[in-house]
């Protein structure tokens, strides 16, 4: 099966397309993509992963065509941002 792994920082973004055996997990895709070694500045937390904007666990199984997304921490709390704009 073919999947994509994506990661973005404030300065750059990377997308890797890989072919994995059926039954592979989200964390296996991240590890095999090599994206974390390519982007050491990206803060990686295995609990902040998703597939097409839906949060998933690292051990969830992948399906052909999935797009694994590595989420980064928020730089500003959305509630604080709204308060600043309103004030």
PDB file of N, CA and C in Angstrom:
ATOM      1  N   UNK A   1       0.838  -1.177   0.000  1.00  0.00           N
ATOM      2  CA  UNK A   1       0.000   0.000   0.000  1.00  0.00           C
ATOM      3  C   UNK A   1       0.880   1.237   0.000  1.00  0.00           C
ATOM      4  N   UNK A   2       0.368   2.294  -0.545  1.00  0.00           N
ATOM      5  CA  UNK A   2       1.098   3.554  -0.627  1.00  0.00           C
ATOM      6  C   UNK A   2       0.469   4.559   0.329  1.00  0.00           C
ATOM      7  N   UNK A   3       1.313   5.208   1.142  1.00  0.00           N
ATOM      8  CA  UNK A   3       0.855   6.235   2.070  1.00  0.00           C
ATOM      9  C   UNK A   3       1.790   7.435   1.970  1.00  0.00           C
ATOM     10  N   UNK A   4       1.341   8.554   2.507  1.00  0.00           N
ATOM     11  CA  UNK A   4       2.165   9.759   2.584  1.00  0.00           C
ATOM     12  C   UNK A   4       2.366  10.113   4.049  1.00  0.00           C
ATOM     13  N   UNK A   5       3.534  10.657   4.358  1.00  0.00           N
ATOM     14  CA  UNK A   5       3.827  11.177   5.695  1.00  0.00           C
ATOM     15  C   UNK A   5       4.223  12.634   5.503  1.00  0.00           C
ATOM     16  N   UNK A   6       3.576  13.535   6.249  1.00  0.00           N
ATOM     17  CA  UNK A   6       3.860  14.960   6.123  1.00  0.00           C
ATOM     18  C   UNK A   6       4.210  15.555   7.480  1.00  0.00           C
ATOM     19  N   UNK A   7       5.086  16.549   7.434  1.00  0.00           N
ATOM     20  CA  UNK A   7       5.499  17.275   8.631  1.00  0.00           C
ATOM     21  C   UNK A   7       5.803  18.705   8.199  1.00  0.00           C
ATOM     22  N   UNK A   8       5.426  19.663   9.052  1.00  0.00           N
ATOM     23  CA  UNK A   8       5.691  21.067   8.732  1.00  0.00           C
ATOM     24  C   UNK A   8       6.127  21.808   9.984  1.00  0.00           C
ATOM     25  N   UNK A   9       7.078  22.696   9.801  1.00  0.00           N
ATOM     26  CA  UNK A   9       7.464  23.639  10.849  1.00  0.00           C
ATOM     27  C   UNK A   9       7.070  25.016  10.334  1.00  0.00           C
ATOM     28  N   UNK A  10       7.383  26.032  11.088  1.00  0.00           N
ATOM     29  CA  UNK A  10       7.062  27.386  10.642  1.00  0.00           C
ATOM     30  C   UNK A  10       7.843  27.760   9.385  1.00  0.00           C
ATOM     31  N   UNK A  11       9.016  27.124   9.178  1.00  0.00           N
ATOM     32  CA  UNK A  11       9.890  27.499   8.077  1.00  0.00           C
ATOM     33  C   UNK A  11       9.821  26.595   6.850  1.00  0.00           C
ATOM     34  N   UNK A  12       9.487  25.327   7.057  1.00  0.00           N
ATOM     35  CA  UNK A  12       9.490  24.413   5.913  1.00  0.00           C
ATOM     36  C   UNK A  12       8.554  23.244   6.138  1.00  0.00           C
ATOM     37  N   UNK A  13       8.284  22.550   5.066  1.00  0.00           N
ATOM     38  CA  UNK A  13       7.421  21.376   5.127  1.00  0.00           C
ATOM     39  C   UNK A  13       7.997  20.269   4.251  1.00  0.00           C
ATOM     40  N   UNK A  14       7.684  19.033   4.631  1.00  0.00           N
ATOM     41  CA  UNK A  14       8.157  17.872   3.880  1.00  0.00           C
ATOM     42  C   UNK A  14       7.024  16.879   3.706  1.00  0.00           C
ATOM     43  N   UNK A  15       7.031  16.228   2.572  1.00  0.00           N
ATOM     44  CA  UNK A  15       6.082  15.163   2.271  1.00  0.00           C
ATOM     45  C   UNK A  15       6.880  13.994   1.709  1.00  0.00           C
ATOM     46  N   UNK A  16       6.655  12.823   2.283  1.00  0.00           N
ATOM     47  CA  UNK A  16       7.312  11.608   1.797  1.00  0.00           C
ATOM     48  C   UNK A  16       6.239  10.592   1.431  1.00  0.00           C
ATOM     49  N   UNK A  17       6.343  10.032   0.264  1.00  0.00           N
ATOM     50  CA  UNK A  17       5.429   8.976  -0.172  1.00  0.00           C
ATOM     51  C   UNK A  17       6.180   7.655  -0.053  1.00  0.00           C
ATOM     52  N   UNK A  18       5.566   6.658   0.584  1.00  0.00           N
ATOM     53  CA  UNK A  18       6.217   5.363   0.742  1.00  0.00           C
ATOM     54  C   UNK A  18       5.265   4.218   0.469  1.00  0.00           C
ATOM     55  N   UNK A  19       5.866   3.108   0.170  1.00  0.00           N
ATOM     56  CA  UNK A  19       5.124   1.871  -0.011  1.00  0.00           C
ATOM     57  C   UNK A  19       5.430   0.977   1.181  1.00  0.00           C
ATOM     58  N   UNK A  20       4.368   0.552   1.857  1.00  0.00           N
ATOM     59  CA  UNK A  20       4.500  -0.267   3.063  1.00  0.00           C
ATOM     60  C   UNK A  20       3.680  -1.545   2.903  1.00  0.00           C
ATOM     61  N   UNK A  21       4.025  -2.572   3.660  1.00  0.00           N
ATOM     62  CA  UNK A  21       3.211  -3.792   3.618  1.00  0.00           C
ATOM     63  C   UNK A  21       1.841  -3.559   4.261  1.00  0.00           C
ATOM     64  N   UNK A  22       0.843  -4.270   3.808  1.00  0.00           N
ATOM     65  CA  UNK A  22      -0.492  -4.186   4.390  1.00  0.00           C
ATOM     66  C   UNK A  22      -0.406  -4.517   5.868  1.00  0.00           C
ATOM     67  N   UNK A  23      -1.144  -3.773   6.685  1.00  0.00           N
ATOM     68  CA  UNK A  23      -1.130  -3.988   8.129  1.00  0.00           C
ATOM     69  C   UNK A  23      -0.141  -3.113   8.869  1.00  0.00           C
ATOM     70  N   UNK A  24       0.590  -2.251   8.157  1.00  0.00           N
ATOM     71  CA  UNK A  24       1.547  -1.349   8.806  1.00  0.00           C
ATOM     72  C   UNK A  24       0.804  -0.325   9.658  1.00  0.00           C
ATOM     73  N   UNK A  25       1.506   0.186  10.664  1.00  0.00           N
ATOM     74  CA  UNK A  25       0.900   1.147  11.578  1.00  0.00           C
ATOM     75  C   UNK A  25       1.380   2.572  11.287  1.00  0.00           C
ATOM     76  N   UNK A  26       0.721   3.507  11.930  1.00  0.00           N
ATOM     77  CA  UNK A  26       1.055   4.926  11.760  1.00  0.00           C
ATOM     78  C   UNK A  26       2.505   5.185  12.171  1.00  0.00           C
ATOM     79  N   UNK A  27       2.916   4.672  13.325  1.00  0.00           N
ATOM     80  CA  UNK A  27       4.278   4.933  13.801  1.00  0.00           C
ATOM     81  C   UNK A  27       5.314   4.271  12.899  1.00  0.00           C
ATOM     82  N   UNK A  28       4.998   3.127  12.330  1.00  0.00           N
ATOM     83  CA  UNK A  28       5.925   2.487  11.398  1.00  0.00           C
ATOM     84  C   UNK A  28       6.126   3.359  10.157  1.00  0.00           C
ATOM     85  N   UNK A  29       5.061   3.986   9.683  1.00  0.00           N
ATOM     86  CA  UNK A  29       5.169   4.871   8.523  1.00  0.00           C
ATOM     87  C   UNK A  29       6.049   6.069   8.848  1.00  0.00           C
ATOM     88  N   UNK A  30       5.867   6.654  10.032  1.00  0.00           N
ATOM     89  CA  UNK A  30       6.675   7.808  10.436  1.00  0.00           C
ATOM     90  C   UNK A  30       8.147   7.405  10.507  1.00  0.00           C
ATOM     91  N   UNK A  31       8.416   6.272  11.147  1.00  0.00           N
ATOM     92  CA  UNK A  31       9.802   5.821  11.298  1.00  0.00           C
ATOM     93  C   UNK A  31      10.444   5.499   9.952  1.00  0.00           C
ATOM     94  N   UNK A  32       9.724   4.821   9.083  1.00  0.00           N
ATOM     95  CA  UNK A  32      10.298   4.420   7.801  1.00  0.00           C
ATOM     96  C   UNK A  32      10.423   5.580   6.816  1.00  0.00           C
ATOM     97  N   UNK A  33       9.676   6.644   7.034  1.00  0.00           N
ATOM     98  CA  UNK A  33       9.762   7.789   6.127  1.00  0.00           C
ATOM     99  C   UNK A  33      11.088   8.532   6.272  1.00  0.00           C
ATOM    100  N   UNK A  34      11.685   8.487   7.471  1.00  0.00           N
ATOM    101  CA  UNK A  34      12.918   9.233   7.717  1.00  0.00           C
ATOM    102  C   UNK A  34      12.701  10.724   7.875  1.00  0.00           C
ATOM    103  N   UNK A  35      11.464  11.143   7.937  1.00  0.00           N
ATOM    104  CA  UNK A  35      11.145  12.571   7.977  1.00  0.00           C
ATOM    105  C   UNK A  35      11.644  13.233   9.262  1.00  0.00           C
ATOM    106  N   UNK A  36      11.663  12.506  10.368  1.00  0.00           N
ATOM    107  CA  UNK A  36      12.123  13.093  11.634  1.00  0.00           C
ATOM    108  C   UNK A  36      13.629  13.320  11.647  1.00  0.00           C
ATOM    109  N   UNK A  37      14.375  12.469  10.961  1.00  0.00           N
ATOM    110  CA  UNK A  37      15.821  12.674  10.849  1.00  0.00           C
ATOM    111  C   UNK A  37      16.116  13.843   9.910  1.00  0.00           C
ATOM    112  N   UNK A  38      15.273  14.016   8.915  1.00  0.00           N
ATOM    113  CA  UNK A  38      15.445  15.108   7.953  1.00  0.00           C
ATOM    114  C   UNK A  38      15.071  16.459   8.565  1.00  0.00           C
ATOM    115  N   UNK A  39      14.165  16.433   9.545  1.00  0.00           N
ATOM    116  CA  UNK A  39      13.696  17.664  10.179  1.00  0.00           C
ATOM    117  C   UNK A  39      13.887  17.564  11.693  1.00  0.00           C
ATOM    118  N   UNK A  40      15.128  17.598  12.172  1.00  0.00           N
ATOM    119  CA  UNK A  40      15.358  17.440  13.612  1.00  0.00           C
ATOM    120  C   UNK A  40      14.751  18.573  14.451  1.00  0.00           C
ATOM    121  N   UNK A  41      14.468  19.702  13.834  1.00  0.00           N
ATOM    122  CA  UNK A  41      13.875  20.820  14.574  1.00  0.00           C
ATOM    123  C   UNK A  41      12.395  20.590  14.893  1.00  0.00           C
ATOM    124  N   UNK A  42      11.764  19.641  14.242  1.00  0.00           N
ATOM    125  CA  UNK A  42      10.347  19.344  14.492  1.00  0.00           C
ATOM    126  C   UNK A  42      10.207  18.625  15.823  1.00  0.00           C
ATOM    127  N   UNK A  43       9.346  19.152  16.676  1.00  0.00           N
ATOM    128  CA  UNK A  43       9.090  18.509  17.966  1.00  0.00           C
ATOM    129  C   UNK A  43       8.142  17.345  17.726  1.00  0.00           C
ATOM    130  N   UNK A  44       8.594  16.130  18.011  1.00  0.00           N
ATOM    131  CA  UNK A  44       7.770  14.954  17.749  1.00  0.00           C
ATOM    132  C   UNK A  44       7.199  14.397  19.040  1.00  0.00           C
ATOM    133  N   UNK A  45       5.882  14.260  19.055  1.00  0.00           N
ATOM    134  CA  UNK A  45       5.168  13.621  20.158  1.00  0.00           C
ATOM    135  C   UNK A  45       4.262  12.572  19.519  1.00  0.00           C
ATOM    136  N   UNK A  46       4.486  11.288  19.818  1.00  0.00           N
ATOM    137  CA  UNK A  46       3.687  10.233  19.179  1.00  0.00           C
ATOM    138  C   UNK A  46       2.179  10.360  19.415  1.00  0.00           C
ATOM    139  N   UNK A  47       1.785  11.141  20.420  1.00  0.00           N
ATOM    140  CA  UNK A  47       0.350  11.320  20.651  1.00  0.00           C
ATOM    141  C   UNK A  47      -0.238  12.427  19.779  1.00  0.00           C
ATOM    142  N   UNK A  48       0.592  13.096  18.982  1.00  0.00           N
ATOM    143  CA  UNK A  48       0.121  14.166  18.094  1.00  0.00           C
ATOM    144  C   UNK A  48       0.256  13.764  16.633  1.00  0.00           C
ATOM    145  N   UNK A  49      -0.466  12.714  16.271  1.00  0.00           N
ATOM    146  CA  UNK A  49      -0.465  12.216  14.899  1.00  0.00           C
ATOM    147  C   UNK A  49      -1.898  12.168  14.387  1.00  0.00           C
ATOM    148  N   UNK A  50      -2.045  12.286  13.082  1.00  0.00           N
ATOM    149  CA  UNK A  50      -3.376  12.211  12.504  1.00  0.00           C
ATOM    150  C   UNK A  50      -3.339  11.657  11.096  1.00  0.00           C
ATOM    151  N   UNK A  51      -4.507  11.314  10.620  1.00  0.00           N
ATOM    152  CA  UNK A  51      -4.693  10.909   9.227  1.00  0.00           C
ATOM    153  C   UNK A  51      -5.814  11.776   8.680  1.00  0.00           C
ATOM    154  N   UNK A  52      -5.491  12.590   7.687  1.00  0.00           N
ATOM    155  CA  UNK A  52      -6.453  13.513   7.087  1.00  0.00           C
ATOM    156  C   UNK A  52      -7.193  14.326   8.155  1.00  0.00           C
ATOM    157  N   UNK A  53      -6.434  14.982   9.051  1.00  0.00           N
ATOM    158  CA  UNK A  53      -6.955  15.887  10.085  1.00  0.00           C
ATOM    159  C   UNK A  53      -7.750  15.194  11.182  1.00  0.00           C
ATOM    160  N   UNK A  54      -7.674  13.884  11.273  1.00  0.00           N
ATOM    161  CA  UNK A  54      -8.352  13.136  12.336  1.00  0.00           C
ATOM    162  C   UNK A  54      -7.279  12.491  13.201  1.00  0.00           C
ATOM    163  N   UNK A  55      -7.292  12.797  14.487  1.00  0.00           N
ATOM    164  CA  UNK A  55      -6.266  12.251  15.385  1.00  0.00           C
ATOM    165  C   UNK A  55      -6.346  10.738  15.446  1.00  0.00           C
ATOM    166  N   UNK A  56      -5.184  10.112  15.479  1.00  0.00           N
ATOM    167  CA  UNK A  56      -5.093   8.660  15.557  1.00  0.00           C
ATOM    168  C   UNK A  56      -4.007   8.273  16.551  1.00  0.00           C
ATOM    169  N   UNK A  57      -4.047   7.018  16.982  1.00  0.00           N
ATOM    170  CA  UNK A  57      -3.013   6.483  17.872  1.00  0.00           C
ATOM    171  C   UNK A  57      -1.845   5.980  17.030  1.00  0.00           C
ATOM    172  N   UNK A  58      -0.642   5.970  17.590  1.00  0.00           N
ATOM    173  CA  UNK A  58       0.523   5.511  16.828  1.00  0.00           C
ATOM    174  C   UNK A  58       0.405   4.074  16.324  1.00  0.00           C
ATOM    175  N   UNK A  59      -0.348   3.240  17.040  1.00  0.00           N
ATOM    176  CA  UNK A  59      -0.450   1.841  16.634  1.00  0.00           C
ATOM    177  C   UNK A  59      -1.679   1.540  15.780  1.00  0.00           C
ATOM    178  N   UNK A  60      -2.384   2.578  15.312  1.00  0.00           N
ATOM    179  CA  UNK A  60      -3.519   2.373  14.402  1.00  0.00           C
ATOM    180  C   UNK A  60      -3.024   1.872  13.048  1.00  0.00           C
ATOM    181  N   UNK A  61      -3.791   0.995  12.440  1.00  0.00           N
ATOM    182  CA  UNK A  61      -3.433   0.440  11.130  1.00  0.00           C
ATOM    183  C   UNK A  61      -3.700   1.456  10.032  1.00  0.00           C
ATOM    184  N   UNK A  62      -2.868   1.418   9.021  1.00  0.00           N
ATOM    185  CA  UNK A  62      -3.015   2.297   7.858  1.00  0.00           C
ATOM    186  C   UNK A  62      -3.780   1.605   6.744  1.00  0.00           C
ATOM    187  N   UNK A  63      -4.341   2.427   5.871  1.00  0.00           N
ATOM    188  CA  UNK A  63      -5.012   1.940   4.669  1.00  0.00           C
ATOM    189  C   UNK A  63      -4.354   2.588   3.456  1.00  0.00           C
ATOM    190  N   UNK A  64      -4.476   1.952   2.331  1.00  0.00           N
ATOM    191  CA  UNK A  64      -3.889   2.484   1.106  1.00  0.00           C
ATOM    192  C   UNK A  64      -4.391   3.904   0.860  1.00  0.00           C
ATOM    193  N   UNK A  65      -3.464   4.813   0.580  1.00  0.00           N
ATOM    194  CA  UNK A  65      -3.812   6.200   0.271  1.00  0.00           C
ATOM    195  C   UNK A  65      -3.872   7.124   1.473  1.00  0.00           C
ATOM    196  N   UNK A  66      -3.658   6.611   2.688  1.00  0.00           N
ATOM    197  CA  UNK A  66      -3.710   7.461   3.885  1.00  0.00           C
ATOM    198  C   UNK A  66      -2.595   8.510   3.852  1.00  0.00           C
ATOM    199  N   UNK A  67      -2.867   9.630   4.497  1.00  0.00           N
ATOM    200  CA  UNK A  67      -1.895  10.713   4.641  1.00  0.00           C
ATOM    201  C   UNK A  67      -1.653  10.907   6.133  1.00  0.00           C
ATOM    202  N   UNK A  68      -0.505  10.475   6.609  1.00  0.00           N
ATOM    203  CA  UNK A  68      -0.143  10.590   8.028  1.00  0.00           C
ATOM    204  C   UNK A  68       0.401  11.992   8.256  1.00  0.00           C
ATOM    205  N   UNK A  69      -0.167  12.682   9.235  1.00  0.00           N
ATOM    206  CA  UNK A  69       0.245  14.051   9.539  1.00  0.00           C
ATOM    207  C   UNK A  69       0.872  14.108  10.925  1.00  0.00           C
ATOM    208  N   UNK A  70       2.034  14.719  11.008  1.00  0.00           N
ATOM    209  CA  UNK A  70       2.716  14.920  12.286  1.00  0.00           C
ATOM    210  C   UNK A  70       2.394  16.347  12.722  1.00  0.00           C
ATOM    211  N   UNK A  71       1.648  16.470  13.815  1.00  0.00           N
ATOM    212  CA  UNK A  71       1.217  17.787  14.280  1.00  0.00           C
ATOM    213  C   UNK A  71       2.256  18.428  15.176  1.00  0.00           C
ATOM    214  N   UNK A  72       2.408  19.737  15.048  1.00  0.00           N
ATOM    215  CA  UNK A  72       3.337  20.476  15.901  1.00  0.00           C
ATOM    216  C   UNK A  72       2.533  21.195  16.989  1.00  0.00           C
ATOM    217  N   UNK A  73       3.206  21.571  18.082  1.00  0.00           N
ATOM    218  CA  UNK A  73       2.497  22.283  19.156  1.00  0.00           C
ATOM    219  C   UNK A  73       2.027  23.655  18.681  1.00  0.00           C
ATOM    220  N   UNK A  74       0.939  24.113  19.259  1.00  0.00           N
ATOM    221  CA  UNK A  74       0.448  25.450  18.933  1.00  0.00           C
ATOM    222  C   UNK A  74       1.406  26.495  19.476  1.00  0.00           C
ATOM    223  N   UNK A  75       1.613  27.567  18.719  1.00  0.00           N
ATOM    224  CA  UNK A  75       2.477  28.645  19.192  1.00  0.00           C
ATOM    225  C   UNK A  75       1.687  29.670  20.000  1.00  0.00           C
ATOM    226  N   UNK A  76       0.367  29.684  19.820  1.00  0.00           N
ATOM    227  CA  UNK A  76      -0.486  30.626  20.530  1.00  0.00           C
ATOM    228  C   UNK A  76      -1.820  29.952  20.797  1.00  0.00           C
ATOM    229  N   UNK A  77      -2.301  30.067  22.002  1.00  0.00           N
ATOM    230  CA  UNK A  77      -3.591  29.498  22.362  1.00  0.00           C
ATOM    231  C   UNK A  77      -4.686  30.227  21.571  1.00  0.00           C
ATOM    232  N   UNK A  78      -5.576  29.504  20.889  1.00  0.00           N
ATOM    233  CA  UNK A  78      -6.622  30.150  20.094  1.00  0.00           C
ATOM    234  C   UNK A  78      -7.498  31.117  20.899  1.00  0.00           C
ATOM    235  N   UNK A  79      -7.754  30.809  22.171  1.00  0.00           N
ATOM    236  CA  UNK A  79      -8.549  31.715  23.004  1.00  0.00           C
ATOM    237  C   UNK A  79      -7.813  33.032  23.236  1.00  0.00           C
ATOM    238  N   UNK A  80      -6.520  32.967  23.471  1.00  0.00           N
ATOM    239  CA  UNK A  80      -5.730  34.190  23.652  1.00  0.00           C
ATOM    240  C   UNK A  80      -5.706  35.007  22.373  1.00  0.00           C
ATOM    241  N   UNK A  81      -5.588  34.352  21.246  1.00  0.00           N
ATOM    242  CA  UNK A  81      -5.573  35.055  19.952  1.00  0.00           C
ATOM    243  C   UNK A  81      -6.887  35.809  19.747  1.00  0.00           C
ATOM    244  N   UNK A  82      -8.012  35.175  20.061  1.00  0.00           N
ATOM    245  CA  UNK A  82      -9.317  35.854  19.913  1.00  0.00           C
ATOM    246  C   UNK A  82      -9.419  37.051  20.861  1.00  0.00           C
ATOM    247  N   UNK A  83      -8.945  36.890  22.090  1.00  0.00           N
ATOM    248  CA  UNK A  83      -8.986  38.007  23.050  1.00  0.00           C
ATOM    249  C   UNK A  83      -8.159  39.190  22.563  1.00  0.00           C
ATOM    250  N   UNK A  84      -7.002  38.916  21.983  1.00  0.00           N
ATOM    251  CA  UNK A  84      -6.138  39.984  21.463  1.00  0.00           C
ATOM    252  C   UNK A  84      -6.804  40.723  20.310  1.00  0.00           C
ATOM    253  N   UNK A  85      -7.446  39.970  19.422  1.00  0.00           N
ATOM    254  CA  UNK A  85      -8.123  40.608  18.290  1.00  0.00           C
ATOM    255  C   UNK A  85      -9.318  41.438  18.750  1.00  0.00           C
ATOM    256  N   UNK A  86     -10.028  40.963  19.758  1.00  0.00           N
ATOM    257  CA  UNK A  86     -11.218  41.668  20.257  1.00  0.00           C
ATOM    258  C   UNK A  86     -10.838  42.910  21.059  1.00  0.00           C
ATOM    259  N   UNK A  87      -9.672  42.890  21.678  1.00  0.00           N
ATOM    260  CA  UNK A  87      -9.257  43.994  22.564  1.00  0.00           C
ATOM    261  C   UNK A  87      -8.605  45.071  21.851  1.00  0.00           C
TER     262      UNK A  87
END
